[in-house]
Amino acid sequence: MSGHELARLSFSTPVRGELLILSALCSLLLAIPRPGSGAEKTETMDAERRAIAFLEREVPLWSKENHCFSCHNNGDGARALLAAKSENRASKEALADTVDWLVHPERWEETQIDPAISGKPLARLQFASALVFAYKTGQVKDDRALRAATARLAEDQSADGSWPVQVDEALGSPVTYGRPLATAMARRTLETSDQKRFTRSLERAEDWLRKLAIENVLDASAVLIGLDANAPTDRAQRQRALDLLRRAQSARGGWGPFVSSASEPFDTAVALVALSGWPEKAETKAFIDRGRDYLVRIQNTDGSWTETTRPPGAVSYAQRLSTTGWATLALLATH
């Protein structure tokens, strides 16, 4: 649930002396560092550290200064901090106000919503996703708030199985997600919360994602995030999504919204989160390594990432927070 997998190494004990000697020689060879590998690892860990520090400052700051809660700070940003907290890399204090807010879904309607969003379904999705993170990582013990929040999220599902969150059907952004990404995120949130309780909602969402015409990077990422890696019925659609991401990765290592677009941090981050769940790691390792390197190289000195906007080049604090939240999640999910 924290967005990362813990690798486990198993060792067998040789019986014969020759095998012991061979094992020792192999260990010595494996211990020789690859050129630049230590520096690259240190650079990436430093990027994660600076991103977490930025979010630890900014996530609680909004509510203190504005006396309300933001779906960007306390939704996307908080999810990244909760993932970091599950690795003991973020402080409990930075999340205290957010967690207290999340366990009161009846107050979520009080939040200020970006006018680009139709109503408040995206805010409910962002808060519900963060609440699931908090519950699954032990930050929240009582599941009553979780049940109320996910029930309301399920009510936002449209008749065709998707979650509409925008006034129009423009390409998704950090503050609008777009219908495919919102649907994938809502499906995962409901599944993680209570798969049995939301069986029908999950099936309808899966059917919608399975039939989605994959036209851009967010479409492809949404399919990989939202569909089950082990379901035979989803295999062909997931392969189409992977093929588009393979074609769309730029020479710089990142992804833009379309196959031929310039790289953007948000599109890159969502693609990395999506690729992190691909079961055959050998197929995606090179893509992931290049994508991570791109995010590390373009990180701002304060630990944030410049906001991805549609069209590009605009200035938006809200989009910067959501872009940074996704980028941090992407690094944590793939390290």
C-alpha atoms as a PDB file:
ATOM      1  CA  MET A   1       0.000   0.000   0.000  1.00  0.00           C
ATOM      2  CA  SER A   2       2.939   2.341   0.556  1.00  0.00           C
ATOM      3  CA  GLY A   3       3.757   2.129  -3.137  1.00  0.00           C
ATOM      4  CA  HIS A   4       6.971   0.163  -2.826  1.00  0.00           C
ATOM      5  CA  GLU A   5       7.949  -3.525  -2.551  1.00  0.00           C
ATOM      6  CA  LEU A   6      10.387  -4.915   0.034  1.00  0.00           C
ATOM      7  CA  ALA A   7      12.904  -7.191  -1.641  1.00  0.00           C
ATOM      8  CA  ARG A   8      13.884 -10.349   0.190  1.00  0.00           C
ATOM      9  CA  LEU A   9      17.099 -12.236  -0.462  1.00  0.00           C
ATOM     10  CA  SER A  10      17.337 -15.929   0.407  1.00  0.00           C
ATOM     11  CA  PHE A  11      20.616 -17.766   0.810  1.00  0.00           C
ATOM     12  CA  SER A  12      21.255 -21.472   0.702  1.00  0.00           C
ATOM     13  CA  THR A  13      24.042 -23.102   2.678  1.00  0.00           C
ATOM     14  CA  PRO A  14      26.512 -25.173   0.524  1.00  0.00           C
ATOM     15  CA  VAL A  15      27.421 -28.597   1.737  1.00  0.00           C
ATOM     16  CA  ARG A  16      30.626 -29.236  -0.168  1.00  0.00           C
ATOM     17  CA  GLY A  17      33.856 -27.290   0.432  1.00  0.00           C
ATOM     18  CA  GLU A  18      34.204 -26.535  -3.276  1.00  0.00           C
ATOM     19  CA  LEU A  19      30.829 -24.794  -3.261  1.00  0.00           C
ATOM     20  CA  LEU A  20      31.876 -22.733  -0.254  1.00  0.00           C
ATOM     21  CA  ILE A  21      34.989 -21.546  -2.100  1.00  0.00           C
ATOM     22  CA  LEU A  22      32.996 -20.790  -5.253  1.00  0.00           C
ATOM     23  CA  SER A  23      30.410 -18.923  -3.215  1.00  0.00           C
ATOM     24  CA  ALA A  24      33.115 -16.809  -1.574  1.00  0.00           C
ATOM     25  CA  LEU A  25      34.647 -15.941  -4.954  1.00  0.00           C
ATOM     26  CA  CYS A  26      31.232 -14.979  -6.345  1.00  0.00           C
ATOM     27  CA  SER A  27      30.578 -12.794  -3.298  1.00  0.00           C
ATOM     28  CA  LEU A  28      33.873 -10.972  -3.836  1.00  0.00           C
ATOM     29  CA  LEU A  29      33.047 -10.352  -7.488  1.00  0.00           C
ATOM     30  CA  LEU A  30      29.550  -9.120  -6.681  1.00  0.00           C
ATOM     31  CA  ALA A  31      30.943  -6.822  -4.013  1.00  0.00           C
ATOM     32  CA  ILE A  32      33.017  -4.876  -6.562  1.00  0.00           C
ATOM     33  CA  PRO A  33      31.048  -1.639  -7.112  1.00  0.00           C
ATOM     34  CA  ARG A  34      29.968  -0.756 -10.625  1.00  0.00           C
ATOM     35  CA  PRO A  35      31.339   2.555 -11.903  1.00  0.00           C
ATOM     36  CA  GLY A  36      29.100   5.356 -10.705  1.00  0.00           C
ATOM     37  CA  SER A  37      26.567   3.061  -9.033  1.00  0.00           C
ATOM     38  CA  GLY A  38      27.264   4.346  -5.518  1.00  0.00           C
ATOM     39  CA  ALA A  39      27.091   7.968  -6.633  1.00  0.00           C
ATOM     40  CA  GLU A  40      23.836   7.362  -8.498  1.00  0.00           C
ATOM     41  CA  LYS A  41      22.251   5.690  -5.493  1.00  0.00           C
ATOM     42  CA  THR A  42      23.368   8.510  -3.198  1.00  0.00           C
ATOM     43  CA  GLU A  43      22.013  11.107  -5.622  1.00  0.00           C
ATOM     44  CA  THR A  44      18.648   9.385  -5.815  1.00  0.00           C
ATOM     45  CA  MET A  45      18.364   8.971  -2.051  1.00  0.00           C
ATOM     46  CA  ASP A  46      19.214  12.655  -1.660  1.00  0.00           C
ATOM     47  CA  ALA A  47      16.475  13.554  -4.146  1.00  0.00           C
ATOM     48  CA  GLU A  48      13.976  11.526  -2.121  1.00  0.00           C
ATOM     49  CA  ARG A  49      15.184  13.103   1.126  1.00  0.00           C
ATOM     50  CA  ARG A  50      14.802  16.637  -0.238  1.00  0.00           C
ATOM     51  CA  ALA A  51      11.361  15.863  -1.667  1.00  0.00           C
ATOM     52  CA  ILE A  52      10.168  14.467   1.668  1.00  0.00           C
ATOM     53  CA  ALA A  53      11.567  17.513   3.498  1.00  0.00           C
ATOM     54  CA  PHE A  54       9.726  19.847   1.101  1.00  0.00           C
ATOM     55  CA  LEU A  55       6.430  18.019   1.646  1.00  0.00           C
ATOM     56  CA  GLU A  56       6.949  17.867   5.410  1.00  0.00           C
ATOM     57  CA  ARG A  57       7.089  21.649   5.352  1.00  0.00           C
ATOM     58  CA  GLU A  58       4.347  22.361   2.803  1.00  0.00           C
ATOM     59  CA  VAL A  59       1.691  19.756   3.623  1.00  0.00           C
ATOM     60  CA  PRO A  60       0.874  21.111   7.110  1.00  0.00           C
ATOM     61  CA  LEU A  61       1.560  24.743   6.155  1.00  0.00           C
ATOM     62  CA  TRP A  62      -1.562  25.184   4.026  1.00  0.00           C
ATOM     63  CA  SER A  63      -4.051  24.432   6.800  1.00  0.00           C
ATOM     64  CA  LYS A  64      -2.158  26.617   9.268  1.00  0.00           C
ATOM     65  CA  GLU A  65      -2.070  29.617   6.958  1.00  0.00           C
ATOM     66  CA  ASN A  66      -5.469  29.226   5.272  1.00  0.00           C
ATOM     67  CA  HIS A  67      -7.538  27.518   8.002  1.00  0.00           C
ATOM     68  CA  CYS A  68      -8.803  24.891   5.570  1.00  0.00           C
ATOM     69  CA  PHE A  69      -7.456  21.756   3.917  1.00  0.00           C
ATOM     70  CA  SER A  70      -6.302  21.361   0.337  1.00  0.00           C
ATOM     71  CA  CYS A  71      -6.797  18.300  -1.851  1.00  0.00           C
ATOM     72  CA  HIS A  72      -3.289  18.963  -3.239  1.00  0.00           C
ATOM     73  CA  ASN A  73      -1.460  19.356   0.070  1.00  0.00           C
ATOM     74  CA  ASN A  74      -3.526  16.991   2.196  1.00  0.00           C
ATOM     75  CA  GLY A  75      -4.398  14.634  -0.658  1.00  0.00           C
ATOM     76  CA  ASP A  76      -1.587  14.051  -3.178  1.00  0.00           C
ATOM     77  CA  GLY A  77       1.132  15.513  -0.956  1.00  0.00           C
ATOM     78  CA  ALA A  78      -0.058  13.592   2.080  1.00  0.00           C
ATOM     79  CA  ARG A  79      -0.113  10.279   0.195  1.00  0.00           C
ATOM     80  CA  ALA A  80       3.559  10.731  -0.605  1.00  0.00           C
ATOM     81  CA  LEU A  81       4.359  11.546   3.027  1.00  0.00           C
ATOM     82  CA  LEU A  82       2.366   8.543   4.232  1.00  0.00           C
ATOM     83  CA  ALA A  83       4.370   6.317   1.895  1.00  0.00           C
ATOM     84  CA  ALA A  84       7.569   7.845   3.263  1.00  0.00           C
ATOM     85  CA  LYS A  85       6.320   7.449   6.836  1.00  0.00           C
ATOM     86  CA  SER A  86       5.778   3.725   6.213  1.00  0.00           C
ATOM     87  CA  GLU A  87       9.549   3.553   5.634  1.00  0.00           C
ATOM     88  CA  ASN A  88      10.243   5.711   8.713  1.00  0.00           C
ATOM     89  CA  ARG A  89      11.422   8.524   6.454  1.00  0.00           C
ATOM     90  CA  ALA A  90       8.805  11.163   7.364  1.00  0.00           C
ATOM     91  CA  SER A  91       7.809  12.585  10.707  1.00  0.00           C
ATOM     92  CA  LYS A  92       4.512  11.861  12.398  1.00  0.00           C
ATOM     93  CA  GLU A  93       4.197  15.548  13.283  1.00  0.00           C
ATOM     94  CA  ALA A  94       4.083  16.617   9.620  1.00  0.00           C
ATOM     95  CA  LEU A  95       1.031  14.405   9.128  1.00  0.00           C
ATOM     96  CA  ALA A  96      -0.818  15.038  12.396  1.00  0.00           C
ATOM     97  CA  ASP A  97      -3.232  17.731  11.153  1.00  0.00           C
ATOM     98  CA  THR A  98      -3.845  15.893   7.893  1.00  0.00           C
ATOM     99  CA  VAL A  99      -4.642  12.582   9.590  1.00  0.00           C
ATOM    100  CA  ASP A 100      -7.027  14.338  11.966  1.00  0.00           C
ATOM    101  CA  TRP A 101      -8.748  15.893   8.940  1.00  0.00           C
ATOM    102  CA  LEU A 102      -8.921  12.633   6.989  1.00  0.00           C
ATOM    103  CA  VAL A 103     -10.752  10.756   9.763  1.00  0.00           C
ATOM    104  CA  HIS A 104     -13.636  13.222   9.478  1.00  0.00           C
ATOM    105  CA  PRO A 105     -14.954  12.737   5.919  1.00  0.00           C
ATOM    106  CA  GLU A 106     -18.115  14.620   6.826  1.00  0.00           C
ATOM    107  CA  ARG A 107     -15.940  17.768   6.842  1.00  0.00           C
ATOM    108  CA  TRP A 108     -14.378  17.186   3.433  1.00  0.00           C
ATOM    109  CA  GLU A 109     -17.035  19.237   1.671  1.00  0.00           C
ATOM    110  CA  GLU A 110     -15.646  22.327   3.430  1.00  0.00           C
ATOM    111  CA  THR A 111     -12.444  22.266   1.404  1.00  0.00           C
ATOM    112  CA  GLN A 112     -11.743  24.829  -1.311  1.00  0.00           C
ATOM    113  CA  ILE A 113     -11.961  23.292  -4.786  1.00  0.00           C
ATOM    114  CA  ASP A 114     -10.195  24.362  -7.948  1.00  0.00           C
ATOM    115  CA  PRO A 115     -12.794  25.799 -10.382  1.00  0.00           C
ATOM    116  CA  ALA A 116     -11.484  23.520 -13.144  1.00  0.00           C
ATOM    117  CA  ILE A 117     -13.033  20.571 -11.315  1.00  0.00           C
ATOM    118  CA  SER A 118     -16.687  19.735 -11.670  1.00  0.00           C
ATOM    119  CA  GLY A 119     -18.099  19.661  -8.146  1.00  0.00           C
ATOM    120  CA  LYS A 120     -15.917  17.898  -5.573  1.00  0.00           C
ATOM    121  CA  PRO A 121     -15.451  14.295  -6.763  1.00  0.00           C
ATOM    122  CA  LEU A 122     -11.700  14.632  -7.291  1.00  0.00           C
ATOM    123  CA  ALA A 123     -11.202  16.070  -3.812  1.00  0.00           C
ATOM    124  CA  ARG A 124     -13.127  13.128  -2.343  1.00  0.00           C
ATOM    125  CA  LEU A 125     -10.963  10.755  -4.376  1.00  0.00           C
ATOM    126  CA  GLN A 126      -7.714  12.402  -3.245  1.00  0.00           C
ATOM    127  CA  PHE A 127      -8.730  12.436   0.418  1.00  0.00           C
ATOM    128  CA  ALA A 128     -10.100   8.874   0.299  1.00  0.00           C
ATOM    129  CA  SER A 129      -6.874   7.623  -1.304  1.00  0.00           C
ATOM    130  CA  ALA A 130      -4.834   9.339   1.402  1.00  0.00           C
ATOM    131  CA  LEU A 131      -7.101   7.905   4.100  1.00  0.00           C
ATOM    132  CA  VAL A 132      -6.589   4.391   2.726  1.00  0.00           C
ATOM    133  CA  PHE A 133      -2.811   4.992   2.864  1.00  0.00           C
ATOM    134  CA  ALA A 134      -3.151   6.168   6.465  1.00  0.00           C
ATOM    135  CA  TYR A 135      -5.244   3.155   7.452  1.00  0.00           C
ATOM    136  CA  LYS A 136      -3.115   0.545   5.714  1.00  0.00           C
ATOM    137  CA  THR A 137       0.109   1.957   7.137  1.00  0.00           C
ATOM    138  CA  GLY A 138      -1.270   2.059  10.678  1.00  0.00           C
ATOM    139  CA  GLN A 139      -1.630   5.838  11.003  1.00  0.00           C
ATOM    140  CA  VAL A 140      -5.412   5.376  11.418  1.00  0.00           C
ATOM    141  CA  LYS A 141      -6.762   2.459  13.455  1.00  0.00           C
ATOM    142  CA  ASP A 142     -10.555   2.918  13.312  1.00  0.00           C
ATOM    143  CA  ASP A 143     -12.097   1.893   9.988  1.00  0.00           C
ATOM    144  CA  ARG A 144     -15.379   3.794  10.409  1.00  0.00           C
ATOM    145  CA  ALA A 145     -14.089   6.883   8.605  1.00  0.00           C
ATOM    146  CA  LEU A 146     -12.659   4.680   5.873  1.00  0.00           C
ATOM    147  CA  ARG A 147     -15.984   2.951   5.319  1.00  0.00           C
ATOM    148  CA  ALA A 148     -17.848   6.253   5.135  1.00  0.00           C
ATOM    149  CA  ALA A 149     -15.323   7.822   2.755  1.00  0.00           C
ATOM    150  CA  THR A 150     -15.169   4.885   0.352  1.00  0.00           C
ATOM    151  CA  ALA A 151     -18.960   4.552   0.316  1.00  0.00           C
ATOM    152  CA  ARG A 152     -19.199   8.179  -0.795  1.00  0.00           C
ATOM    153  CA  LEU A 153     -16.457   7.604  -3.374  1.00  0.00           C
ATOM    154  CA  ALA A 154     -18.390   4.662  -4.814  1.00  0.00           C
ATOM    155  CA  GLU A 155     -21.439   6.910  -5.207  1.00  0.00           C
ATOM    156  CA  ASP A 156     -19.422   9.195  -7.499  1.00  0.00           C
ATOM    157  CA  GLN A 157     -19.002   6.395 -10.042  1.00  0.00           C
ATOM    158  CA  SER A 158     -20.967   7.047 -13.237  1.00  0.00           C
ATOM    159  CA  ALA A 159     -23.249   4.540 -14.927  1.00  0.00           C
ATOM    160  CA  ASP A 160     -20.556   3.562 -17.450  1.00  0.00           C
ATOM    161  CA  GLY A 161     -18.173   2.540 -14.646  1.00  0.00           C
ATOM    162  CA  SER A 162     -15.819   5.538 -14.745  1.00  0.00           C
ATOM    163  CA  TRP A 163     -15.232   8.443 -12.359  1.00  0.00           C
ATOM    164  CA  PRO A 164     -15.778  11.793 -14.145  1.00  0.00           C
ATOM    165  CA  VAL A 165     -13.973  14.653 -12.399  1.00  0.00           C
ATOM    166  CA  GLN A 166     -13.685  17.459 -14.952  1.00  0.00           C
ATOM    167  CA  VAL A 167     -16.041  19.977 -16.499  1.00  0.00           C
ATOM    168  CA  ASP A 168     -14.833  18.835 -19.923  1.00  0.00           C
ATOM    169  CA  GLU A 169     -12.850  15.903 -21.208  1.00  0.00           C
ATOM    170  CA  ALA A 170      -9.548  17.769 -21.637  1.00  0.00           C
ATOM    171  CA  LEU A 171      -6.261  15.992 -21.026  1.00  0.00           C
ATOM    172  CA  GLY A 172      -5.714  15.309 -17.344  1.00  0.00           C
ATOM    173  CA  SER A 173      -3.320  17.346 -15.227  1.00  0.00           C
ATOM    174  CA  PRO A 174      -2.108  17.273 -11.603  1.00  0.00           C
ATOM    175  CA  VAL A 175      -5.199  19.202 -10.495  1.00  0.00           C
ATOM    176  CA  THR A 176      -7.742  17.387 -12.671  1.00  0.00           C
ATOM    177  CA  TYR A 177      -6.340  13.850 -13.164  1.00  0.00           C
ATOM    178  CA  GLY A 178      -8.680  13.183 -16.089  1.00  0.00           C
ATOM    179  CA  ARG A 179     -11.291  10.443 -16.224  1.00  0.00           C
ATOM    180  CA  PRO A 180      -8.931   7.475 -16.902  1.00  0.00           C
ATOM    181  CA  LEU A 181      -6.520   8.239 -14.051  1.00  0.00           C
ATOM    182  CA  ALA A 182      -9.359   9.115 -11.665  1.00  0.00           C
ATOM    183  CA  THR A 183     -11.063   5.828 -12.502  1.00  0.00           C
ATOM    184  CA  ALA A 184      -7.869   3.832 -11.957  1.00  0.00           C
ATOM    185  CA  MET A 185      -7.166   5.561  -8.644  1.00  0.00           C
ATOM    186  CA  ALA A 186     -10.751   5.162  -7.421  1.00  0.00           C
ATOM    187  CA  ARG A 187     -10.757   1.494  -8.346  1.00  0.00           C
ATOM    188  CA  ARG A 188      -7.515   0.860  -6.445  1.00  0.00           C
ATOM    189  CA  THR A 189      -8.768   2.820  -3.453  1.00  0.00           C
ATOM    190  CA  LEU A 190     -11.990   0.808  -3.230  1.00  0.00           C
ATOM    191  CA  GLU A 191     -10.177  -2.487  -3.801  1.00  0.00           C
ATOM    192  CA  THR A 192      -7.619  -1.764  -1.101  1.00  0.00           C
ATOM    193  CA  SER A 193     -10.315  -0.647   1.306  1.00  0.00           C
ATOM    194  CA  ASP A 194     -12.733  -3.572   0.940  1.00  0.00           C
ATOM    195  CA  GLN A 195     -12.669  -5.671  -2.221  1.00  0.00           C
ATOM    196  CA  LYS A 196     -15.696  -7.779  -1.312  1.00  0.00           C
ATOM    197  CA  ARG A 197     -17.877  -4.821  -0.352  1.00  0.00           C
ATOM    198  CA  PHE A 198     -17.279  -3.018  -3.657  1.00  0.00           C
ATOM    199  CA  THR A 199     -17.251  -5.994  -6.014  1.00  0.00           C
ATOM    200  CA  ARG A 200     -19.791  -4.553  -8.433  1.00  0.00           C
ATOM    201  CA  SER A 201     -18.143  -1.114  -8.550  1.00  0.00           C
ATOM    202  CA  LEU A 202     -14.762  -2.719  -9.171  1.00  0.00           C
ATOM    203  CA  GLU A 203     -16.092  -4.875 -11.994  1.00  0.00           C
ATOM    204  CA  ARG A 204     -17.661  -1.878 -13.735  1.00  0.00           C
ATOM    205  CA  ALA A 205     -14.448   0.136 -13.419  1.00  0.00           C
ATOM    206  CA  GLU A 206     -12.387  -2.746 -14.774  1.00  0.00           C
ATOM    207  CA  ASP A 207     -14.726  -3.106 -17.753  1.00  0.00           C
ATOM    208  CA  TRP A 208     -14.421   0.618 -18.521  1.00  0.00           C
ATOM    209  CA  LEU A 209     -10.615   0.544 -18.331  1.00  0.00           C
ATOM    210  CA  ARG A 210     -10.469  -2.644 -20.377  1.00  0.00           C
ATOM    211  CA  LYS A 211     -12.373  -0.925 -23.220  1.00  0.00           C
ATOM    212  CA  LEU A 212     -10.533   2.396 -22.994  1.00  0.00           C
ATOM    213  CA  ALA A 213      -8.895   3.532 -26.229  1.00  0.00           C
ATOM    214  CA  ILE A 214      -5.304   4.192 -25.160  1.00  0.00           C
ATOM    215  CA  GLU A 215      -4.330   7.463 -26.830  1.00  0.00           C
ATOM    216  CA  ASN A 216      -1.842   9.118 -24.482  1.00  0.00           C
ATOM    217  CA  VAL A 217       0.545   8.503 -21.583  1.00  0.00           C
ATOM    218  CA  LEU A 218      -2.051   9.106 -18.850  1.00  0.00           C
ATOM    219  CA  ASP A 219      -4.418   6.631 -20.549  1.00  0.00           C
ATOM    220  CA  ALA A 220      -1.670   3.996 -20.635  1.00  0.00           C
ATOM    221  CA  SER A 221      -0.620   4.677 -17.055  1.00  0.00           C
ATOM    222  CA  ALA A 222      -4.211   4.521 -15.840  1.00  0.00           C
ATOM    223  CA  VAL A 223      -4.699   1.116 -17.461  1.00  0.00           C
ATOM    224  CA  LEU A 224      -1.578  -0.276 -15.750  1.00  0.00           C
ATOM    225  CA  ILE A 225      -2.548   1.214 -12.396  1.00  0.00           C
ATOM    226  CA  GLY A 226      -6.201   0.227 -12.563  1.00  0.00           C
ATOM    227  CA  LEU A 227      -6.216  -3.255 -14.100  1.00  0.00           C
ATOM    228  CA  ASP A 228      -5.093  -6.414 -12.322  1.00  0.00           C
ATOM    229  CA  ALA A 229      -1.655  -7.611 -13.398  1.00  0.00           C
ATOM    230  CA  ASN A 230      -2.687 -11.235 -12.849  1.00  0.00           C
ATOM    231  CA  ALA A 231      -6.063 -11.218 -14.618  1.00  0.00           C
ATOM    232  CA  PRO A 232      -5.987 -13.013 -18.008  1.00  0.00           C
ATOM    233  CA  THR A 233      -8.846 -10.812 -19.239  1.00  0.00           C
ATOM    234  CA  ASP A 234      -6.720  -7.700 -18.715  1.00  0.00           C
ATOM    235  CA  ARG A 235      -3.508  -8.957 -20.297  1.00  0.00           C
ATOM    236  CA  ALA A 236      -4.021  -7.622 -23.840  1.00  0.00           C
ATOM    237  CA  GLN A 237      -5.056  -4.142 -22.699  1.00  0.00           C
ATOM    238  CA  ARG A 238      -2.162  -3.921 -20.268  1.00  0.00           C
ATOM    239  CA  GLN A 239       0.255  -4.946 -23.019  1.00  0.00           C
ATOM    240  CA  ARG A 240      -1.108  -2.184 -25.262  1.00  0.00           C
ATOM    241  CA  ALA A 241      -0.525   0.275 -22.434  1.00  0.00           C
ATOM    242  CA  LEU A 242       3.052  -0.913 -21.913  1.00  0.00           C
ATOM    243  CA  ASP A 243       3.747  -0.665 -25.648  1.00  0.00           C
ATOM    244  CA  LEU A 244       2.615   2.974 -25.702  1.00  0.00           C
ATOM    245  CA  LEU A 245       4.783   3.851 -22.685  1.00  0.00           C
ATOM    246  CA  ARG A 246       7.735   2.178 -24.384  1.00  0.00           C
ATOM    247  CA  ARG A 247       7.237   4.324 -27.510  1.00  0.00           C
ATOM    248  CA  ALA A 248       6.537   7.511 -25.567  1.00  0.00           C
ATOM    249  CA  GLN A 249       9.642   7.627 -23.382  1.00  0.00           C
ATOM    250  CA  SER A 250      11.774  10.512 -24.613  1.00  0.00           C
ATOM    251  CA  ALA A 251      15.502  10.655 -25.171  1.00  0.00           C
ATOM    252  CA  ARG A 252      15.744  12.550 -21.855  1.00  0.00           C
ATOM    253  CA  GLY A 253      14.206   9.588 -20.040  1.00  0.00           C
ATOM    254  CA  GLY A 254      10.875  11.151 -19.121  1.00  0.00           C
ATOM    255  CA  TRP A 255       7.390  11.110 -20.541  1.00  0.00           C
ATOM    256  CA  GLY A 256       5.143  13.878 -21.831  1.00  0.00           C
ATOM    257  CA  PRO A 257       1.389  13.645 -22.352  1.00  0.00           C
ATOM    258  CA  PHE A 258       1.679  12.144 -25.859  1.00  0.00           C
ATOM    259  CA  VAL A 259       4.131   9.886 -27.671  1.00  0.00           C
ATOM    260  CA  SER A 260       5.952  12.803 -29.312  1.00  0.00           C
ATOM    261  CA  SER A 261       5.594  15.343 -26.470  1.00  0.00           C
ATOM    262  CA  ALA A 262       8.376  16.907 -24.422  1.00  0.00           C
ATOM    263  CA  SER A 263       8.884  15.292 -21.025  1.00  0.00           C
ATOM    264  CA  GLU A 264       6.931  16.612 -18.035  1.00  0.00           C
ATOM    265  CA  PRO A 265       7.442  15.665 -14.366  1.00  0.00           C
ATOM    266  CA  PHE A 266       3.783  14.753 -13.723  1.00  0.00           C
ATOM    267  CA  ASP A 267       3.404  12.464 -16.743  1.00  0.00           C
ATOM    268  CA  THR A 268       6.777  10.883 -15.913  1.00  0.00           C
ATOM    269  CA  ALA A 269       5.810  10.303 -12.286  1.00  0.00           C
ATOM    270  CA  VAL A 270       2.462   8.689 -13.136  1.00  0.00           C
ATOM    271  CA  ALA A 271       4.150   6.481 -15.752  1.00  0.00           C
ATOM    272  CA  LEU A 272       6.732   5.338 -13.188  1.00  0.00           C
ATOM    273  CA  VAL A 273       4.046   4.513 -10.619  1.00  0.00           C
ATOM    274  CA  ALA A 274       2.270   2.510 -13.319  1.00  0.00           C
ATOM    275  CA  LEU A 275       5.422   0.667 -14.414  1.00  0.00           C
ATOM    276  CA  SER A 276       6.315  -0.184 -10.816  1.00  0.00           C
ATOM    277  CA  GLY A 277       3.428  -2.656 -10.785  1.00  0.00           C
ATOM    278  CA  TRP A 278       4.450  -4.560 -13.930  1.00  0.00           C
ATOM    279  CA  PRO A 279       5.104  -8.150 -12.777  1.00  0.00           C
ATOM    280  CA  GLU A 280       8.017  -8.965 -15.108  1.00  0.00           C
ATOM    281  CA  LYS A 281      10.596  -6.533 -13.734  1.00  0.00           C
ATOM    282  CA  ALA A 282      13.168  -7.278 -16.415  1.00  0.00           C
ATOM    283  CA  GLU A 283      10.815  -5.818 -19.046  1.00  0.00           C
ATOM    284  CA  THR A 284      10.522  -2.459 -17.334  1.00  0.00           C
ATOM    285  CA  LYS A 285      13.797  -1.954 -15.443  1.00  0.00           C
ATOM    286  CA  ALA A 286      15.497   0.085 -18.177  1.00  0.00           C
ATOM    287  CA  PHE A 287      12.440   2.344 -18.589  1.00  0.00           C
ATOM    288  CA  ILE A 288      12.178   2.855 -14.850  1.00  0.00           C
ATOM    289  CA  ASP A 289      15.873   3.598 -14.377  1.00  0.00           C
ATOM    290  CA  ARG A 290      15.833   6.262 -17.107  1.00  0.00           C
ATOM    291  CA  GLY A 291      12.611   7.771 -15.784  1.00  0.00           C
ATOM    292  CA  ARG A 292      13.966   7.984 -12.241  1.00  0.00           C
ATOM    293  CA  ASP A 293      17.152   9.596 -13.531  1.00  0.00           C
ATOM    294  CA  TYR A 294      15.075  12.202 -15.375  1.00  0.00           C
ATOM    295  CA  LEU A 295      13.101  13.103 -12.240  1.00  0.00           C
ATOM    296  CA  VAL A 296      16.269  13.388 -10.160  1.00  0.00           C
ATOM    297  CA  ARG A 297      17.930  15.646 -12.753  1.00  0.00           C
ATOM    298  CA  ILE A 298      15.020  18.113 -13.003  1.00  0.00           C
ATOM    299  CA  GLN A 299      14.218  18.375  -9.290  1.00  0.00           C
ATOM    300  CA  ASN A 300      14.307  21.918  -7.927  1.00  0.00           C
ATOM    301  CA  THR A 301      16.813  22.826  -5.233  1.00  0.00           C
ATOM    302  CA  ASP A 302      14.033  23.186  -2.630  1.00  0.00           C
ATOM    303  CA  GLY A 303      13.012  19.547  -3.181  1.00  0.00           C
ATOM    304  CA  SER A 304       9.934  20.236  -5.302  1.00  0.00           C
ATOM    305  CA  TRP A 305       9.287  19.692  -8.991  1.00  0.00           C
ATOM    306  CA  THR A 306       8.092  22.460 -11.289  1.00  0.00           C
ATOM    307  CA  GLU A 307       4.383  22.110 -11.839  1.00  0.00           C
ATOM    308  CA  THR A 308       3.095  20.372 -14.948  1.00  0.00           C
ATOM    309  CA  THR A 309       0.298  22.515 -16.388  1.00  0.00           C
ATOM    310  CA  ARG A 310      -1.979  22.275 -19.419  1.00  0.00           C
ATOM    311  CA  PRO A 311      -0.915  24.200 -21.456  1.00  0.00           C
ATOM    312  CA  PRO A 312       2.670  24.153 -20.148  1.00  0.00           C
ATOM    313  CA  GLY A 313       4.456  27.094 -18.585  1.00  0.00           C
ATOM    314  CA  ALA A 314       1.794  28.353 -16.169  1.00  0.00           C
ATOM    315  CA  VAL A 315       2.461  29.035 -12.489  1.00  0.00           C
ATOM    316  CA  SER A 316       0.312  27.224  -9.919  1.00  0.00           C
ATOM    317  CA  TYR A 317       1.115  26.359  -6.316  1.00  0.00           C
ATOM    318  CA  ALA A 318      -1.644  23.707  -6.270  1.00  0.00           C
ATOM    319  CA  GLN A 319      -0.266  21.976  -9.339  1.00  0.00           C
ATOM    320  CA  ARG A 320       3.276  22.180  -7.954  1.00  0.00           C
ATOM    321  CA  LEU A 321       2.178  20.400  -4.781  1.00  0.00           C
ATOM    322  CA  SER A 322       0.377  17.639  -6.668  1.00  0.00           C
ATOM    323  CA  THR A 323       3.228  17.293  -9.177  1.00  0.00           C
ATOM    324  CA  THR A 324       5.711  16.986  -6.299  1.00  0.00           C
ATOM    325  CA  GLY A 325       3.497  14.507  -4.463  1.00  0.00           C
ATOM    326  CA  TRP A 326       3.322  12.249  -7.524  1.00  0.00           C
ATOM    327  CA  ALA A 327       7.055  12.576  -8.246  1.00  0.00           C
ATOM    328  CA  THR A 328       7.911  11.647  -4.663  1.00  0.00           C
ATOM    329  CA  LEU A 329       5.573   8.658  -4.810  1.00  0.00           C
ATOM    330  CA  ALA A 330       7.185   7.582  -8.078  1.00  0.00           C
ATOM    331  CA  LEU A 331      10.691   7.587  -6.573  1.00  0.00           C
ATOM    332  CA  LEU A 332       9.506   5.723  -3.472  1.00  0.00           C
ATOM    333  CA  ALA A 333       7.574   3.186  -5.553  1.00  0.00           C
ATOM    334  CA  THR A 334      10.553   2.340  -7.744  1.00  0.00           C
ATOM    335  CA  HIS A 335      13.617   2.567  -5.502  1.00  0.00           C
END
